[in-house]
Amino acid sequence: ICKSSVDMWGRLLMSVGTAVIGSLQFGYNTGVINAPQKIIETFYNETWHKRYSEYMLSTTLTTLWSVSVAIFSVGGIFGSFSVGLFLNRFGRRNSMLIVNVLAFIAAALMGFSKLAESWEMLIIGRFIVGLYSGLSTGFVPMYVGEIAPTSLRGALGTLHQLVILNCNMSQFYCIFSSNNYSLGEHKTLCFKNI
């Protein structure tokens, strides 16, 4: 095996690996919100009580919970429709680098929402991470498909979905291994950037 061939494979694996790591956000955030539902609803109710000296109606709580879960998909829709705008302006690689800022902003908003006593921060963070996920779902497969040799394009193209699936399953471990369940949901919501 010649040295240039080894260098090429090393660069290819590093590039593909780095690109598909961005898919972790999508897989993780798809399911992380579901397990701590009661904890998050309690947080919403306590925050509401501190502000307005009364507890939420059950319909209001159900509505806020539904918005918290569904807003991720709404962000994903806007993100997926914006893929072309980013790619035409910044290119594939630069778009993937720039959009990572959204993941950090979302993690900060969701992670500090309990400290700030703001359920709005949690919902906005979910929207932003949905936006990130929609964008990266367009960027990653396109980038990997362009840099992969023709003979490996299909195999390497599936790594994006494989990472999403594996991270979706691993988030359950993060939730149930938390020792402090009262803070557990906020740790798991910002854990993704560690």
N, C-alpha and C. Protein backbone atom coordinates (compact mmCIF):
# COMPACT_ATOMS: atom_id res chain seq x y z
N ILE A 1 0.87 -1.18 0.00
CA ILE A 1 0.00 0.00 0.00
C ILE A 1 0.90 1.23 0.00
N CYS A 2 0.65 2.11 -0.94
CA CYS A 2 1.49 3.30 -1.03
C CYS A 2 1.04 4.34 0.01
N LYS A 3 1.98 5.21 0.36
CA LYS A 3 1.73 6.21 1.40
C LYS A 3 0.61 7.17 1.02
N SER A 4 0.51 7.54 -0.24
CA SER A 4 -0.55 8.47 -0.65
C SER A 4 -1.94 7.83 -0.51
N SER A 5 -2.02 6.52 -0.72
CA SER A 5 -3.30 5.82 -0.56
C SER A 5 -3.72 5.80 0.90
N VAL A 6 -2.77 5.57 1.80
CA VAL A 6 -3.07 5.57 3.24
C VAL A 6 -3.49 6.97 3.67
N ASP A 7 -2.79 7.99 3.18
CA ASP A 7 -3.15 9.37 3.51
C ASP A 7 -4.56 9.70 3.02
N MET A 8 -4.89 9.25 1.80
CA MET A 8 -6.21 9.52 1.25
C MET A 8 -7.30 8.88 2.11
N TRP A 9 -7.10 7.61 2.49
CA TRP A 9 -8.09 6.91 3.32
C TRP A 9 -8.22 7.56 4.69
N GLY A 10 -7.10 7.97 5.24
CA GLY A 10 -7.13 8.64 6.55
C GLY A 10 -7.92 9.93 6.50
N ARG A 11 -7.67 10.72 5.46
CA ARG A 11 -8.41 11.99 5.31
C ARG A 11 -9.89 11.74 5.04
N LEU A 12 -10.19 10.72 4.24
CA LEU A 12 -11.59 10.40 3.95
C LEU A 12 -12.32 10.00 5.22
N LEU A 13 -11.73 9.09 6.00
CA LEU A 13 -12.38 8.64 7.23
C LEU A 13 -12.52 9.78 8.24
N MET A 14 -11.52 10.64 8.32
CA MET A 14 -11.60 11.78 9.23
C MET A 14 -12.69 12.75 8.79
N SER A 15 -12.77 13.02 7.51
CA SER A 15 -13.79 13.94 6.99
C SER A 15 -15.20 13.39 7.17
N VAL A 16 -15.39 12.13 6.83
CA VAL A 16 -16.71 11.51 6.97
C VAL A 16 -17.09 11.40 8.44
N GLY A 17 -16.15 10.97 9.27
CA GLY A 17 -16.42 10.86 10.71
C GLY A 17 -16.80 12.18 11.34
N THR A 18 -16.07 13.22 10.98
CA THR A 18 -16.37 14.55 11.52
C THR A 18 -17.73 15.04 11.04
N ALA A 19 -18.06 14.78 9.80
CA ALA A 19 -19.35 15.23 9.26
C ALA A 19 -20.52 14.52 9.93
N VAL A 20 -20.42 13.21 10.09
CA VAL A 20 -21.56 12.47 10.64
C VAL A 20 -21.71 12.67 12.15
N ILE A 21 -20.69 13.14 12.82
CA ILE A 21 -20.83 13.44 14.25
C ILE A 21 -21.89 14.52 14.44
N GLY A 22 -22.05 15.40 13.46
CA GLY A 22 -23.11 16.41 13.54
C GLY A 22 -24.50 15.81 13.59
N SER A 23 -24.64 14.57 13.18
CA SER A 23 -25.93 13.89 13.21
C SER A 23 -26.33 13.47 14.62
N LEU A 24 -25.38 13.50 15.54
CA LEU A 24 -25.69 13.14 16.92
C LEU A 24 -26.81 14.00 17.49
N GLN A 25 -26.77 15.29 17.16
CA GLN A 25 -27.78 16.21 17.69
C GLN A 25 -29.19 15.78 17.32
N PHE A 26 -29.36 15.40 16.09
CA PHE A 26 -30.69 15.01 15.61
C PHE A 26 -31.18 13.77 16.35
N GLY A 27 -30.36 12.75 16.38
CA GLY A 27 -30.76 11.51 17.05
C GLY A 27 -31.03 11.70 18.53
N TYR A 28 -30.17 12.44 19.18
CA TYR A 28 -30.30 12.66 20.62
C TYR A 28 -31.57 13.45 20.94
N ASN A 29 -31.80 14.51 20.21
CA ASN A 29 -32.93 15.39 20.53
C ASN A 29 -34.28 14.87 20.06
N THR A 30 -34.27 13.85 19.24
CA THR A 30 -35.54 13.26 18.82
C THR A 30 -36.25 12.62 20.01
N GLY A 31 -35.51 11.96 20.88
CA GLY A 31 -36.15 11.23 21.96
C GLY A 31 -35.89 11.73 23.36
N VAL A 32 -34.93 12.64 23.54
CA VAL A 32 -34.53 13.03 24.89
C VAL A 32 -35.64 13.73 25.67
N ILE A 33 -36.57 14.33 25.01
CA ILE A 33 -37.62 15.09 25.68
C ILE A 33 -38.70 14.18 26.27
N ASN A 34 -38.86 12.98 25.76
CA ASN A 34 -39.99 12.14 26.14
C ASN A 34 -39.89 11.52 27.53
N ALA A 35 -38.75 11.00 27.90
CA ALA A 35 -38.63 10.28 29.17
C ALA A 35 -38.87 11.16 30.40
N PRO A 36 -38.32 12.38 30.45
CA PRO A 36 -38.54 13.20 31.65
C PRO A 36 -39.80 14.07 31.58
N GLN A 37 -40.85 13.58 30.95
CA GLN A 37 -42.06 14.38 30.76
C GLN A 37 -42.60 14.93 32.08
N LYS A 38 -42.77 14.09 33.07
CA LYS A 38 -43.35 14.54 34.35
C LYS A 38 -42.46 15.57 35.04
N ILE A 39 -41.16 15.40 34.94
CA ILE A 39 -40.23 16.35 35.56
C ILE A 39 -40.34 17.70 34.88
N ILE A 40 -40.41 17.70 33.56
CA ILE A 40 -40.52 18.97 32.83
C ILE A 40 -41.87 19.61 33.08
N GLU A 41 -42.93 18.83 33.13
CA GLU A 41 -44.24 19.39 33.43
C GLU A 41 -44.27 20.00 34.83
N THR A 42 -43.61 19.37 35.79
CA THR A 42 -43.51 19.93 37.14
C THR A 42 -42.74 21.25 37.11
N PHE A 43 -41.66 21.29 36.34
CA PHE A 43 -40.89 22.53 36.18
C PHE A 43 -41.77 23.63 35.59
N TYR A 44 -42.55 23.32 34.57
CA TYR A 44 -43.45 24.30 33.97
C TYR A 44 -44.45 24.82 35.00
N ASN A 45 -45.04 23.90 35.75
CA ASN A 45 -46.06 24.26 36.74
C ASN A 45 -45.47 25.12 37.86
N GLU A 46 -44.30 24.74 38.37
CA GLU A 46 -43.65 25.51 39.44
C GLU A 46 -43.25 26.90 38.95
N THR A 47 -42.73 26.99 37.75
CA THR A 47 -42.35 28.28 37.19
C THR A 47 -43.58 29.17 37.02
N TRP A 48 -44.65 28.60 36.53
CA TRP A 48 -45.90 29.35 36.36
C TRP A 48 -46.41 29.85 37.71
N HIS A 49 -46.32 28.98 38.72
CA HIS A 49 -46.79 29.35 40.06
C HIS A 49 -45.96 30.49 40.64
N LYS A 50 -44.65 30.48 40.44
CA LYS A 50 -43.79 31.56 40.95
C LYS A 50 -44.12 32.88 40.28
N ARG A 51 -44.50 32.84 39.02
CA ARG A 51 -44.81 34.08 38.29
C ARG A 51 -46.20 34.62 38.60
N TYR A 52 -47.19 33.73 38.62
CA TYR A 52 -48.59 34.16 38.65
C TYR A 52 -49.33 33.76 39.93
N SER A 53 -48.65 33.16 40.89
CA SER A 53 -49.23 32.74 42.16
C SER A 53 -50.42 31.80 42.00
N GLU A 54 -50.44 31.06 40.96
CA GLU A 54 -51.44 30.02 40.76
C GLU A 54 -50.84 28.94 39.86
N TYR A 55 -51.38 27.76 39.95
CA TYR A 55 -50.88 26.66 39.12
C TYR A 55 -51.59 26.66 37.77
N MET A 56 -50.94 26.05 36.80
CA MET A 56 -51.51 25.97 35.45
C MET A 56 -52.74 25.09 35.43
N LEU A 57 -53.63 25.42 34.53
CA LEU A 57 -54.72 24.50 34.23
C LEU A 57 -54.12 23.30 33.50
N SER A 58 -54.73 22.17 33.64
CA SER A 58 -54.19 20.96 33.00
C SER A 58 -54.16 21.10 31.48
N THR A 59 -55.12 21.83 30.92
CA THR A 59 -55.11 22.04 29.46
C THR A 59 -53.94 22.91 29.03
N THR A 60 -53.61 23.92 29.83
CA THR A 60 -52.46 24.77 29.53
C THR A 60 -51.17 23.97 29.61
N LEU A 61 -51.07 23.15 30.64
CA LEU A 61 -49.88 22.32 30.81
C LEU A 61 -49.72 21.33 29.66
N THR A 62 -50.82 20.72 29.26
CA THR A 62 -50.78 19.79 28.13
C THR A 62 -50.39 20.51 26.85
N THR A 63 -50.91 21.71 26.66
CA THR A 63 -50.57 22.49 25.47
C THR A 63 -49.09 22.85 25.45
N LEU A 64 -48.57 23.32 26.59
CA LEU A 64 -47.14 23.67 26.66
C LEU A 64 -46.26 22.45 26.43
N TRP A 65 -46.65 21.32 26.99
CA TRP A 65 -45.89 20.10 26.78
C TRP A 65 -45.90 19.71 25.30
N SER A 66 -47.06 19.79 24.69
CA SER A 66 -47.18 19.44 23.26
C SER A 66 -46.33 20.36 22.40
N VAL A 67 -46.34 21.64 22.72
CA VAL A 67 -45.52 22.60 21.98
C VAL A 67 -44.04 22.27 22.18
N SER A 68 -43.65 21.92 23.39
CA SER A 68 -42.25 21.59 23.68
C SER A 68 -41.75 20.42 22.85
N VAL A 69 -42.60 19.44 22.65
CA VAL A 69 -42.22 18.27 21.87
C VAL A 69 -42.26 18.58 20.38
N ALA A 70 -43.33 19.22 19.93
CA ALA A 70 -43.55 19.42 18.49
C ALA A 70 -42.68 20.52 17.89
N ILE A 71 -42.22 21.46 18.70
CA ILE A 71 -41.47 22.60 18.16
C ILE A 71 -40.15 22.15 17.53
N PHE A 72 -39.63 21.02 17.98
CA PHE A 72 -38.42 20.45 17.38
C PHE A 72 -38.65 20.16 15.89
N SER A 73 -39.80 19.59 15.57
CA SER A 73 -40.13 19.28 14.18
C SER A 73 -40.38 20.54 13.36
N VAL A 74 -40.97 21.54 13.98
CA VAL A 74 -41.20 22.82 13.28
C VAL A 74 -39.86 23.45 12.93
N GLY A 75 -38.92 23.45 13.87
CA GLY A 75 -37.58 23.95 13.58
C GLY A 75 -36.91 23.14 12.48
N GLY A 76 -37.13 21.82 12.50
CA GLY A 76 -36.57 20.95 11.47
C GLY A 76 -37.11 21.27 10.08
N ILE A 77 -38.39 21.61 10.01
CA ILE A 77 -38.99 21.98 8.72
C ILE A 77 -38.34 23.24 8.19
N PHE A 78 -38.24 24.27 9.04
CA PHE A 78 -37.61 25.51 8.60
C PHE A 78 -36.15 25.28 8.22
N GLY A 79 -35.46 24.46 9.00
CA GLY A 79 -34.06 24.16 8.70
C GLY A 79 -33.89 23.44 7.38
N SER A 80 -34.73 22.45 7.13
CA SER A 80 -34.59 21.69 5.89
C SER A 80 -34.91 22.53 4.66
N PHE A 81 -35.84 23.47 4.80
CA PHE A 81 -36.13 24.36 3.68
C PHE A 81 -35.04 25.41 3.46
N SER A 82 -34.17 25.60 4.44
CA SER A 82 -33.11 26.60 4.35
C SER A 82 -31.77 26.03 3.90
N VAL A 83 -31.71 24.74 3.67
CA VAL A 83 -30.45 24.09 3.29
C VAL A 83 -29.85 24.74 2.05
N GLY A 84 -30.65 24.93 1.02
CA GLY A 84 -30.15 25.51 -0.23
C GLY A 84 -29.58 26.90 -0.06
N LEU A 85 -30.20 27.70 0.80
CA LEU A 85 -29.70 29.06 1.04
C LEU A 85 -28.30 29.03 1.62
N PHE A 86 -28.08 28.16 2.60
CA PHE A 86 -26.76 28.05 3.22
C PHE A 86 -25.73 27.51 2.24
N LEU A 87 -26.10 26.44 1.52
CA LEU A 87 -25.14 25.80 0.62
C LEU A 87 -24.71 26.73 -0.50
N ASN A 88 -25.64 27.48 -1.05
CA ASN A 88 -25.30 28.40 -2.14
C ASN A 88 -24.44 29.56 -1.65
N ARG A 89 -24.64 29.97 -0.42
CA ARG A 89 -23.89 31.12 0.08
C ARG A 89 -22.54 30.73 0.67
N PHE A 90 -22.50 29.64 1.44
CA PHE A 90 -21.28 29.30 2.19
C PHE A 90 -20.58 28.03 1.72
N GLY A 91 -21.22 27.20 0.92
CA GLY A 91 -20.64 25.92 0.52
C GLY A 91 -20.95 24.84 1.53
N ARG A 92 -20.63 23.58 1.19
CA ARG A 92 -21.01 22.46 2.05
C ARG A 92 -20.25 22.44 3.37
N ARG A 93 -18.95 22.48 3.30
CA ARG A 93 -18.13 22.37 4.51
C ARG A 93 -18.34 23.56 5.44
N ASN A 94 -18.31 24.76 4.90
CA ASN A 94 -18.49 25.95 5.73
C ASN A 94 -19.88 26.00 6.35
N SER A 95 -20.89 25.55 5.63
CA SER A 95 -22.25 25.51 6.18
C SER A 95 -22.31 24.61 7.40
N MET A 96 -21.66 23.45 7.32
CA MET A 96 -21.66 22.53 8.46
C MET A 96 -20.95 23.14 9.66
N LEU A 97 -19.90 23.90 9.41
CA LEU A 97 -19.18 24.54 10.51
C LEU A 97 -20.00 25.66 11.14
N ILE A 98 -20.60 26.50 10.30
CA ILE A 98 -21.36 27.65 10.79
C ILE A 98 -22.57 27.22 11.60
N VAL A 99 -23.28 26.21 11.14
CA VAL A 99 -24.54 25.82 11.77
C VAL A 99 -24.33 25.22 13.17
N ASN A 100 -23.11 24.83 13.50
CA ASN A 100 -22.84 24.30 14.84
C ASN A 100 -23.08 25.34 15.93
N VAL A 101 -23.02 26.60 15.59
CA VAL A 101 -23.33 27.66 16.55
C VAL A 101 -24.75 27.48 17.09
N LEU A 102 -25.67 27.06 16.22
CA LEU A 102 -27.05 26.84 16.65
C LEU A 102 -27.14 25.76 17.72
N ALA A 103 -26.35 24.72 17.60
CA ALA A 103 -26.38 23.63 18.58
C ALA A 103 -25.93 24.13 19.95
N PHE A 104 -24.91 24.96 19.98
CA PHE A 104 -24.43 25.49 21.26
C PHE A 104 -25.43 26.46 21.87
N ILE A 105 -26.05 27.29 21.05
CA ILE A 105 -27.08 28.21 21.55
C ILE A 105 -28.25 27.42 22.13
N ALA A 106 -28.69 26.40 21.42
CA ALA A 106 -29.81 25.57 21.89
C ALA A 106 -29.46 24.88 23.20
N ALA A 107 -28.26 24.33 23.30
CA ALA A 107 -27.86 23.65 24.54
C ALA A 107 -27.82 24.62 25.71
N ALA A 108 -27.31 25.82 25.48
CA ALA A 108 -27.27 26.82 26.55
C ALA A 108 -28.67 27.21 26.99
N LEU A 109 -29.56 27.45 26.05
CA LEU A 109 -30.93 27.82 26.40
C LEU A 109 -31.63 26.72 27.20
N MET A 110 -31.53 25.49 26.72
CA MET A 110 -32.21 24.39 27.41
C MET A 110 -31.53 24.06 28.74
N GLY A 111 -30.22 24.11 28.77
CA GLY A 111 -29.49 23.76 29.98
C GLY A 111 -29.68 24.75 31.11
N PHE A 112 -29.83 26.02 30.78
CA PHE A 112 -29.99 27.05 31.81
C PHE A 112 -31.44 27.46 32.04
N SER A 113 -32.38 26.79 31.41
CA SER A 113 -33.79 27.17 31.56
C SER A 113 -34.28 27.01 32.99
N LYS A 114 -33.82 26.00 33.69
CA LYS A 114 -34.24 25.82 35.08
C LYS A 114 -33.64 26.89 35.97
N LEU A 115 -32.38 27.19 35.77
CA LEU A 115 -31.71 28.22 36.55
C LEU A 115 -32.38 29.58 36.34
N ALA A 116 -32.76 29.86 35.11
CA ALA A 116 -33.42 31.13 34.79
C ALA A 116 -34.92 31.10 35.09
N GLU A 117 -35.43 29.94 35.49
CA GLU A 117 -36.86 29.75 35.75
C GLU A 117 -37.69 30.21 34.55
N SER A 118 -37.31 29.70 33.38
CA SER A 118 -37.97 30.10 32.14
C SER A 118 -38.24 28.89 31.27
N TRP A 119 -39.49 28.48 31.22
CA TRP A 119 -39.86 27.39 30.32
C TRP A 119 -39.80 27.84 28.88
N GLU A 120 -39.88 29.15 28.65
CA GLU A 120 -39.76 29.67 27.28
C GLU A 120 -38.39 29.37 26.69
N MET A 121 -37.35 29.43 27.53
CA MET A 121 -36.00 29.12 27.06
C MET A 121 -35.92 27.68 26.57
N LEU A 122 -36.59 26.79 27.27
CA LEU A 122 -36.59 25.38 26.87
C LEU A 122 -37.25 25.20 25.51
N ILE A 123 -38.37 25.86 25.31
CA ILE A 123 -39.10 25.74 24.04
C ILE A 123 -38.31 26.38 22.90
N ILE A 124 -37.74 27.55 23.14
CA ILE A 124 -36.93 28.21 22.10
C ILE A 124 -35.70 27.36 21.77
N GLY A 125 -35.08 26.79 22.80
CA GLY A 125 -33.93 25.90 22.58
C GLY A 125 -34.30 24.69 21.74
N ARG A 126 -35.48 24.12 21.99
CA ARG A 126 -35.95 22.99 21.18
C ARG A 126 -36.15 23.41 19.72
N PHE A 127 -36.69 24.60 19.51
CA PHE A 127 -36.88 25.09 18.14
C PHE A 127 -35.53 25.24 17.44
N ILE A 128 -34.57 25.84 18.14
CA ILE A 128 -33.25 26.09 17.54
C ILE A 128 -32.53 24.78 17.23
N VAL A 129 -32.61 23.80 18.14
CA VAL A 129 -31.95 22.53 17.85
C VAL A 129 -32.69 21.79 16.72
N GLY A 130 -33.98 22.02 16.58
CA GLY A 130 -34.71 21.47 15.43
C GLY A 130 -34.24 22.11 14.13
N LEU A 131 -34.02 23.42 14.18
CA LEU A 131 -33.49 24.15 13.03
C LEU A 131 -32.12 23.58 12.64
N TYR A 132 -31.27 23.39 13.64
CA TYR A 132 -29.96 22.79 13.40
C TYR A 132 -30.09 21.40 12.78
N SER A 133 -30.98 20.59 13.33
CA SER A 133 -31.14 19.22 12.84
C SER A 133 -31.63 19.19 11.40
N GLY A 134 -32.57 20.07 11.07
CA GLY A 134 -33.05 20.15 9.69
C GLY A 134 -31.96 20.55 8.72
N LEU A 135 -31.14 21.52 9.14
CA LEU A 135 -30.04 21.94 8.28
C LEU A 135 -28.99 20.84 8.13
N SER A 136 -28.60 20.23 9.23
CA SER A 136 -27.54 19.21 9.13
C SER A 136 -28.02 17.95 8.42
N THR A 137 -29.32 17.68 8.45
CA THR A 137 -29.85 16.53 7.71
C THR A 137 -29.70 16.74 6.21
N GLY A 138 -29.67 17.98 5.78
CA GLY A 138 -29.41 18.27 4.38
C GLY A 138 -27.92 18.34 4.06
N PHE A 139 -27.14 18.93 4.98
CA PHE A 139 -25.72 19.14 4.72
C PHE A 139 -24.92 17.84 4.72
N VAL A 140 -25.10 17.03 5.74
CA VAL A 140 -24.23 15.87 5.97
C VAL A 140 -24.29 14.85 4.83
N PRO A 141 -25.46 14.35 4.44
CA PRO A 141 -25.46 13.36 3.36
C PRO A 141 -24.92 13.92 2.04
N MET A 142 -25.19 15.19 1.80
CA MET A 142 -24.70 15.80 0.56
C MET A 142 -23.17 15.88 0.57
N TYR A 143 -22.61 16.32 1.69
CA TYR A 143 -21.16 16.44 1.81
C TYR A 143 -20.49 15.07 1.72
N VAL A 144 -21.01 14.09 2.45
CA VAL A 144 -20.43 12.75 2.44
C VAL A 144 -20.53 12.14 1.04
N GLY A 145 -21.64 12.34 0.36
CA GLY A 145 -21.80 11.82 -0.99
C GLY A 145 -20.83 12.44 -1.98
N GLU A 146 -20.47 13.69 -1.75
CA GLU A 146 -19.54 14.36 -2.67
C GLU A 146 -18.10 13.95 -2.45
N ILE A 147 -17.71 13.70 -1.19
CA ILE A 147 -16.30 13.39 -0.95
C ILE A 147 -15.99 11.90 -1.03
N ALA A 148 -17.01 11.06 -0.96
CA ALA A 148 -16.79 9.61 -0.97
C ALA A 148 -16.49 9.11 -2.37
N PRO A 149 -15.58 8.14 -2.49
CA PRO A 149 -15.36 7.50 -3.79
C PRO A 149 -16.65 6.81 -4.23
N THR A 150 -16.85 6.71 -5.52
CA THR A 150 -18.09 6.14 -6.06
C THR A 150 -18.37 4.75 -5.51
N SER A 151 -17.35 3.95 -5.34
CA SER A 151 -17.55 2.58 -4.86
C SER A 151 -18.01 2.52 -3.40
N LEU A 152 -17.77 3.57 -2.63
CA LEU A 152 -18.15 3.58 -1.21
C LEU A 152 -19.28 4.56 -0.90
N ARG A 153 -19.79 5.21 -1.90
CA ARG A 153 -20.78 6.27 -1.67
C ARG A 153 -22.01 5.76 -0.92
N GLY A 154 -22.53 4.63 -1.28
CA GLY A 154 -23.72 4.09 -0.61
C GLY A 154 -23.44 3.71 0.84
N ALA A 155 -22.33 3.03 1.06
CA ALA A 155 -21.99 2.59 2.42
C ALA A 155 -21.73 3.78 3.34
N LEU A 156 -20.96 4.74 2.86
CA LEU A 156 -20.67 5.91 3.69
C LEU A 156 -21.90 6.81 3.85
N GLY A 157 -22.77 6.80 2.87
CA GLY A 157 -23.99 7.60 2.95
C GLY A 157 -24.94 7.14 4.03
N THR A 158 -24.88 5.87 4.39
CA THR A 158 -25.76 5.35 5.44
C THR A 158 -25.28 5.70 6.85
N LEU A 159 -24.05 6.15 6.99
CA LEU A 159 -23.53 6.46 8.32
C LEU A 159 -24.33 7.56 9.00
N HIS A 160 -24.83 8.51 8.23
CA HIS A 160 -25.64 9.60 8.80
C HIS A 160 -26.84 9.03 9.55
N GLN A 161 -27.59 8.14 8.92
CA GLN A 161 -28.76 7.54 9.57
C GLN A 161 -28.36 6.62 10.72
N LEU A 162 -27.25 5.93 10.58
CA LEU A 162 -26.78 5.04 11.63
C LEU A 162 -26.44 5.81 12.90
N VAL A 163 -25.78 6.95 12.75
CA VAL A 163 -25.44 7.78 13.90
C VAL A 163 -26.70 8.34 14.55
N ILE A 164 -27.67 8.76 13.75
CA ILE A 164 -28.93 9.27 14.29
C ILE A 164 -29.60 8.20 15.15
N LEU A 165 -29.69 7.00 14.62
CA LEU A 165 -30.33 5.90 15.34
C LEU A 165 -29.59 5.56 16.63
N ASN A 166 -28.28 5.42 16.56
CA ASN A 166 -27.51 5.06 17.75
C ASN A 166 -27.59 6.13 18.83
N CYS A 167 -27.57 7.37 18.44
CA CYS A 167 -27.66 8.43 19.44
C CYS A 167 -29.06 8.53 20.02
N ASN A 168 -30.07 8.25 19.22
CA ASN A 168 -31.43 8.24 19.72
C ASN A 168 -31.58 7.19 20.82
N MET A 169 -30.94 6.06 20.64
CA MET A 169 -31.01 5.01 21.66
C MET A 169 -30.14 5.34 22.87
N SER A 170 -29.00 5.98 22.66
CA SER A 170 -28.09 6.26 23.78
C SER A 170 -28.62 7.32 24.72
N GLN A 171 -29.50 8.19 24.26
CA GLN A 171 -30.02 9.23 25.14
C GLN A 171 -30.81 8.65 26.29
N PHE A 172 -31.40 7.46 26.12
CA PHE A 172 -32.11 6.83 27.23
C PHE A 172 -31.16 6.49 28.37
N TYR A 173 -29.97 6.05 28.04
CA TYR A 173 -28.98 5.77 29.07
C TYR A 173 -28.64 7.03 29.85
N CYS A 174 -28.48 8.14 29.15
CA CYS A 174 -28.13 9.41 29.82
C CYS A 174 -29.23 9.84 30.78
N ILE A 175 -30.47 9.64 30.40
CA ILE A 175 -31.58 10.06 31.25
C ILE A 175 -31.66 9.19 32.49
N PHE A 176 -31.61 7.89 32.32
CA PHE A 176 -31.83 6.99 33.45
C PHE A 176 -30.60 6.80 34.32
N SER A 177 -29.44 7.25 33.87
CA SER A 177 -28.25 7.14 34.72
C SER A 177 -28.04 8.39 35.55
N SER A 178 -28.87 9.42 35.37
CA SER A 178 -28.74 10.64 36.14
C SER A 178 -29.10 10.37 37.60
N ASN A 179 -28.24 10.78 38.52
CA ASN A 179 -28.49 10.57 39.94
C ASN A 179 -29.44 11.60 40.52
N ASN A 180 -29.52 12.76 39.91
CA ASN A 180 -30.36 13.84 40.43
C ASN A 180 -31.51 14.04 39.46
N TYR A 181 -32.62 13.37 39.70
CA TYR A 181 -33.72 13.40 38.75
C TYR A 181 -34.40 14.76 38.70
N SER A 182 -34.27 15.58 39.74
CA SER A 182 -34.91 16.89 39.69
C SER A 182 -34.19 17.81 38.70
N LEU A 183 -32.91 17.57 38.48
CA LEU A 183 -32.17 18.35 37.48
C LEU A 183 -31.90 17.53 36.23
N GLY A 184 -32.33 16.28 36.23
CA GLY A 184 -31.97 15.34 35.17
C GLY A 184 -32.30 15.81 33.78
N GLU A 185 -33.49 16.38 33.59
CA GLU A 185 -33.87 16.75 32.23
C GLU A 185 -33.02 17.88 31.69
N HIS A 186 -32.59 18.79 32.55
CA HIS A 186 -31.78 19.90 32.07
C HIS A 186 -30.35 19.46 31.78
N LYS A 187 -29.86 18.50 32.55
CA LYS A 187 -28.54 17.93 32.25
C LYS A 187 -28.58 17.22 30.90
N THR A 188 -29.62 16.44 30.69
CA THR A 188 -29.68 15.68 29.45
C THR A 188 -29.94 16.56 28.25
N LEU A 189 -30.64 17.67 28.44
CA LEU A 189 -30.93 18.55 27.31
C LEU A 189 -29.70 19.34 26.87
N CYS A 190 -28.77 19.59 27.78
CA CYS A 190 -27.56 20.30 27.37
C CYS A 190 -26.36 19.37 27.25
N PHE A 191 -26.50 18.08 27.61
CA PHE A 191 -25.42 17.10 27.55
C PHE A 191 -24.83 16.95 26.16
N LYS A 192 -25.62 17.14 25.16
CA LYS A 192 -25.22 16.85 23.79
C LYS A 192 -23.97 17.58 23.33
N ASN A 193 -23.62 18.69 23.96
CA ASN A 193 -22.45 19.44 23.51
C ASN A 193 -21.17 19.08 24.26
N ILE A 194 -21.25 18.12 25.16
CA ILE A 194 -20.05 17.71 25.89
C ILE A 194 -19.18 16.85 24.98
